[in-house]
Amino acid sequence: MTRLRIKHVTGYRYEGEVAASYNEARMLPVTSEGQFVLFSNLDISPISSNHSYVDYWGTRVSSFEVLTPHQELSLTANSLIEVRPREHPSHQLSWDDLADASAKITSTVEQIKQTKLTDPPAEVAALAAEIANGFNDPCEAALEICTEIGRQVEYMTGVTGVHTNAREAWVEKKGVCQDITHIALGALRSVGIPARYVSGYLHPKPSAPIGETVTGESHAWVEWFCGEWRGFDPTNQIDIGDRHVTVGRGRDYNDVAPLRGVYAGPFGSRLFVKVEITREA
């Protein structure tokens, strides 16, 4: 078991005074398989009314509005989570069995259809089909597909943006975890494997001593269905373990964006983000 403290600060600095803003934040983890939330809290400045709920995909959402004039909106999410190593047992499921099982569950039916962000280029679909044809077990095929996508797409910041889709990211074969995850999702779905986008955090330093605070960032990975949901981090080509903290799940990034909203005021704003992660046990 690993205990992680996460401090995630984000918000917008506007190009002038904003009269009002209406926002949603998805920054707080939930207790789920492999993790237990000991504490979580979201501070919003300026002070605002805050309505919390769990969305359709099971993600905690803080919905709030700021009706006083402001030039900056700042959110600080503090969480303390116990994370346990995940087990990834093998599943002897044929392709026909997977198709039958997927058609019976709403959560899998909704994760087989492509979105604008995951729709893969023909080259990716062909690559996924070639790999899938070499496996009788779709779970093993999914692992090889995600691993190959991670091999071929170089992690590089500044090349893509939050609106970049899988087709655009594949052209340069460079991008961040969001892009690699979208490409992997598109590849998995193209061969009939239900797959979903997972947002959260990854402690970047496996050997970090207890008490050391390191700079982190939001992270993304995939989960696919092969009898039950199984996670994998294609960016780092590692299984989901006790350094991963899950915040949200959805069809793509648009379902789990940490902060989004609208405001009334002058055009122009700048997003700021800072994540700090401390191993406490």
Foldseek 3Di string as FASTA:
>chain_A
DWKKKKKKKKWKFFPDKFQKWKKKFQADFDDDPFKHWPDKDKDKPPDWDWDWDQDPQGFIMITTMDRHIDRMIMMIMITIMFGAFDDDDDDPFFPVRQLVVLVVDPVQVQQLDADPQQAADPVLLVVLVVLCVVDRALVVSLLVSLQVLLVQAAEDPPPDDPPHHQHRSVVVSYYHQQNSQSPSSNNSSSSPWRKKKWKWWFDPDPPDDAPDKDWTDIHMWMWTDRPHTATARSNVSGGDTRRTTTRGMDNGCVVRPRMDIDTGDDDDMDMDMTMMMGTHD
